[in-house]
């Protein structure tokens, strides 16, 4: 099965920014019966165990951050785009409710960033062609990832004017998602989603 589409996104210029940016991105989702998948969300393999548990491995890309993305980043330098190796495990609580977890390694200029997500996702049919979708996700980060994204080292302090800051590992953000999926035709779907994300702990204090 192959799905192709175009997504239009409006959100912060970078994680934690109060400036917003609108961008369009192609959406690709290809899945094969043998468990392999590829697309916008990465390349990987999903194992269906025939039980409520499923899981797999995947390769994704962390897009990094450009100091030209916003005035507030001047002097902070770029965070390079990096490949991330990851794995995921999901558990189906009910036919409409899933508990998910994922692990990613390799982000940041030193390639030592680690991120873990724990999520609860659900769907609720409204009509045969329309359904409500939603989710709640918590993201945890190790010290390397937090320092790359929210920290200010000595060199960055000199070039940016910010005081040095060394965040620790822990809960990085909580994200609430709600959306609507409508089948316009047998092969055409419209999906609209709104996310609300709140930084937590040392990330919020940056």
Protein backbone atom coordinates (compact mmCIF):
# COMPACT_ATOMS: atom_id res chain seq x y z
CA UNK A 1 0.00 0.00 0.00
CA UNK A 2 1.30 3.44 -0.94
CA UNK A 3 -0.14 6.78 0.20
CA UNK A 4 0.98 10.10 -1.29
CA UNK A 5 -0.02 13.56 -0.15
CA UNK A 6 0.91 17.13 0.66
CA UNK A 7 1.01 18.51 4.18
CA UNK A 8 0.88 22.18 5.19
CA UNK A 9 2.27 22.86 8.68
CA UNK A 10 2.22 25.97 10.83
CA UNK A 11 4.21 25.92 14.05
CA UNK A 12 7.18 27.28 16.00
CA UNK A 13 10.30 28.10 13.97
CA UNK A 14 12.17 25.72 16.29
CA UNK A 15 11.36 23.84 19.48
CA UNK A 16 10.68 26.47 22.17
CA UNK A 17 10.41 29.43 19.78
CA UNK A 18 7.72 32.10 20.01
CA UNK A 19 8.13 32.81 16.27
CA UNK A 20 6.01 30.79 13.83
CA UNK A 21 6.66 29.41 10.37
CA UNK A 22 4.43 27.87 7.69
CA UNK A 23 5.88 25.24 5.38
CA UNK A 24 4.65 22.59 2.95
CA UNK A 25 6.07 19.07 2.91
CA UNK A 26 5.37 15.99 0.79
CA UNK A 27 3.79 13.09 2.67
CA UNK A 28 4.75 9.54 1.70
CA UNK A 29 3.71 6.33 3.41
CA UNK A 30 4.52 2.97 1.79
CA UNK A 31 3.85 -0.33 3.58
CA UNK A 32 4.46 -3.91 2.49
CA UNK A 33 2.82 -7.09 3.74
CA UNK A 34 6.16 -8.49 4.90
CA UNK A 35 6.41 -5.72 7.54
CA UNK A 36 8.73 -3.23 5.82
CA UNK A 37 7.70 0.41 5.54
CA UNK A 38 9.19 3.65 4.17
CA UNK A 39 8.13 7.25 3.95
CA UNK A 40 8.07 10.61 5.66
CA UNK A 41 8.31 8.99 9.09
CA UNK A 42 11.39 6.95 8.20
CA UNK A 43 12.39 3.51 6.96
CA UNK A 44 11.97 0.41 9.04
CA UNK A 45 10.43 -2.95 9.81
CA UNK A 46 7.33 -3.66 11.88
CA UNK A 47 6.76 -7.08 13.44
CA UNK A 48 3.14 -8.08 13.95
CA UNK A 49 3.07 -10.76 16.65
CA UNK A 50 -0.59 -11.65 16.27
CA UNK A 51 -1.13 -10.41 19.84
CA UNK A 52 -1.91 -6.93 21.24
CA UNK A 53 1.87 -6.32 21.19
CA UNK A 54 3.70 -5.10 18.07
CA UNK A 55 7.07 -3.47 17.55
CA UNK A 56 9.96 -2.88 15.23
CA UNK A 57 12.99 -0.86 14.27
CA UNK A 58 13.36 2.21 12.09
CA UNK A 59 15.78 4.82 10.75
CA UNK A 60 14.63 8.44 10.92
CA UNK A 61 16.24 11.85 10.46
CA UNK A 62 16.50 14.63 13.01
CA UNK A 63 16.32 17.84 10.93
CA UNK A 64 18.52 19.81 13.32
CA UNK A 65 18.30 23.58 13.67
CA UNK A 66 19.74 26.58 11.80
CA UNK A 67 20.80 29.66 13.72
CA UNK A 68 19.24 31.65 10.84
CA UNK A 69 15.81 30.23 11.77
CA UNK A 70 15.20 33.08 14.24
CA UNK A 71 16.88 36.17 15.68
CA UNK A 72 16.97 34.51 19.11
CA UNK A 73 19.38 31.86 17.77
CA UNK A 74 22.06 34.27 16.52
CA UNK A 75 25.43 33.18 17.86
CA UNK A 76 24.16 29.74 18.93
CA UNK A 77 25.47 27.93 15.84
CA UNK A 78 23.73 25.24 13.80
CA UNK A 79 22.58 21.83 14.98
CA UNK A 80 23.28 19.53 12.04
CA UNK A 81 20.72 17.14 10.62
CA UNK A 82 21.52 13.60 11.78
CA UNK A 83 20.19 10.08 11.15
CA UNK A 84 18.57 8.46 14.18
CA UNK A 85 18.42 4.74 14.89
CA UNK A 86 15.34 3.72 16.79
CA UNK A 87 12.91 1.09 17.92
CA UNK A 88 9.25 1.10 18.94
CA UNK A 89 6.85 -1.08 20.91
CA UNK A 90 3.06 -0.68 20.86
CA UNK A 91 0.27 -2.32 22.84
CA UNK A 92 -3.37 -2.27 21.71
CA UNK A 93 -5.51 -1.67 24.79
CA UNK A 94 -8.77 -1.73 22.80
CA UNK A 95 -9.57 -1.70 19.07
CA UNK A 96 -9.61 2.13 19.24
CA UNK A 97 -6.91 2.81 21.86
CA UNK A 98 -3.13 2.20 21.64
CA UNK A 99 -0.30 2.62 24.13
CA UNK A 100 2.96 3.37 22.32
CA UNK A 101 6.63 3.85 23.09
CA UNK A 102 9.66 4.68 20.96
CA UNK A 103 13.39 5.22 21.36
CA UNK A 104 15.72 7.25 19.09
CA UNK A 105 19.50 7.64 19.21
CA UNK A 106 21.91 9.79 17.21
CA UNK A 107 20.69 13.41 17.16
CA UNK A 108 22.86 16.47 17.81
CA UNK A 109 26.25 17.59 16.57
CA UNK A 110 27.93 14.91 18.69
CA UNK A 111 25.43 12.23 17.56
CA UNK A 112 24.78 11.22 21.18
CA UNK A 113 21.24 12.56 21.68
CA UNK A 114 18.67 10.09 23.00
CA UNK A 115 14.90 10.67 22.94
CA UNK A 116 12.13 8.43 24.27
CA UNK A 117 8.41 8.91 23.67
CA UNK A 118 5.50 7.42 25.59
CA UNK A 119 2.09 7.99 24.01
CA UNK A 120 -1.57 7.16 24.28
CA UNK A 121 -3.41 7.34 20.93
CA UNK A 122 -7.06 6.81 20.13
CA UNK A 123 -9.67 7.03 17.37
CA UNK A 124 -13.43 7.47 17.56
CA UNK A 125 -15.65 6.93 14.49
CA UNK A 126 -18.25 9.65 13.96
CA UNK A 127 -19.63 8.44 10.61
CA UNK A 128 -18.47 5.64 8.27
CA UNK A 129 -16.26 8.18 6.43
CA UNK A 130 -15.25 10.42 9.32
CA UNK A 131 -13.40 9.81 12.57
CA UNK A 132 -11.92 11.77 15.42
CA UNK A 133 -8.30 11.08 16.36
CA UNK A 134 -6.30 12.19 19.38
CA UNK A 135 -3.29 11.48 21.51
CA UNK A 136 -1.13 12.46 24.46
CA UNK A 137 2.67 12.13 24.24
CA UNK A 138 5.47 12.61 26.76
CA UNK A 139 9.03 13.04 25.46
CA UNK A 140 12.08 12.37 27.62
CA UNK A 141 15.64 13.37 26.64
CA UNK A 142 19.13 12.57 27.86
CA UNK A 143 21.61 15.26 28.91
CA UNK A 144 23.33 15.35 25.48
CA UNK A 145 20.05 16.00 23.67
CA UNK A 146 18.97 18.66 26.18
CA UNK A 147 22.35 20.43 25.96
CA UNK A 148 22.25 20.46 22.15
CA UNK A 149 18.73 21.87 21.97
CA UNK A 150 18.40 24.03 25.10
CA UNK A 151 21.87 24.46 26.59
CA UNK A 152 24.34 27.33 26.21
CA UNK A 153 28.03 26.37 26.43
CA UNK A 154 30.93 28.78 27.02
CA UNK A 155 31.57 29.46 23.31
CA UNK A 156 27.86 30.01 22.60
CA UNK A 157 27.65 32.34 25.60
CA UNK A 158 30.44 34.54 24.20
CA UNK A 159 28.96 34.71 20.69
CA UNK A 160 25.29 35.05 21.64
CA UNK A 161 25.38 37.03 24.89
CA UNK A 162 23.29 34.42 26.74
CA UNK A 163 24.39 33.23 30.16
CA UNK A 164 25.84 29.68 30.21
CA UNK A 165 23.17 27.05 30.85
CA UNK A 166 23.54 23.28 31.35
CA UNK A 167 20.19 21.47 31.42
CA UNK A 168 19.93 17.93 32.74
CA UNK A 169 18.13 14.88 31.44
CA UNK A 170 14.44 14.24 32.08
CA UNK A 171 10.99 15.12 30.79
CA UNK A 172 11.39 17.52 27.85
CA UNK A 173 7.81 18.20 26.75
CA UNK A 174 4.20 17.03 26.86
CA UNK A 175 2.12 17.17 23.68
CA UNK A 176 -1.65 16.95 23.19
CA UNK A 177 -3.00 16.15 19.71
CA UNK A 178 -6.53 16.23 18.33
CA UNK A 179 -7.63 15.89 14.73
CA UNK A 180 -10.21 14.77 12.21
CA UNK A 181 -9.83 12.31 9.34
CA UNK A 182 -12.36 12.39 6.50
CA UNK A 183 -12.51 10.06 3.48
CA UNK A 184 -13.52 12.32 0.58
CA UNK A 185 -13.29 9.50 -1.98
CA UNK A 186 -12.18 5.84 -1.78
CA UNK A 187 -8.60 6.97 -2.57
CA UNK A 188 -8.64 10.52 -1.16
CA UNK A 189 -8.40 11.56 2.49
CA UNK A 190 -8.35 14.93 4.28
CA UNK A 191 -6.60 15.03 7.66
CA UNK A 192 -6.51 18.08 9.94
CA UNK A 193 -4.69 18.04 13.29
CA UNK A 194 -3.91 20.59 16.01
CA UNK A 195 -1.06 19.99 18.47
CA UNK A 196 -0.45 21.78 21.76
CA UNK A 197 3.05 21.24 23.15
CA UNK A 198 4.38 22.46 26.49
CA UNK A 199 8.05 22.38 27.44
CA UNK A 200 8.81 20.97 30.87
CA UNK A 201 11.61 21.07 33.45
CA UNK A 202 15.04 22.27 32.32
CA UNK A 203 13.80 22.72 28.75
CA UNK A 204 11.17 25.22 29.93
CA UNK A 205 13.76 27.09 32.01
CA UNK A 206 16.14 27.56 29.07
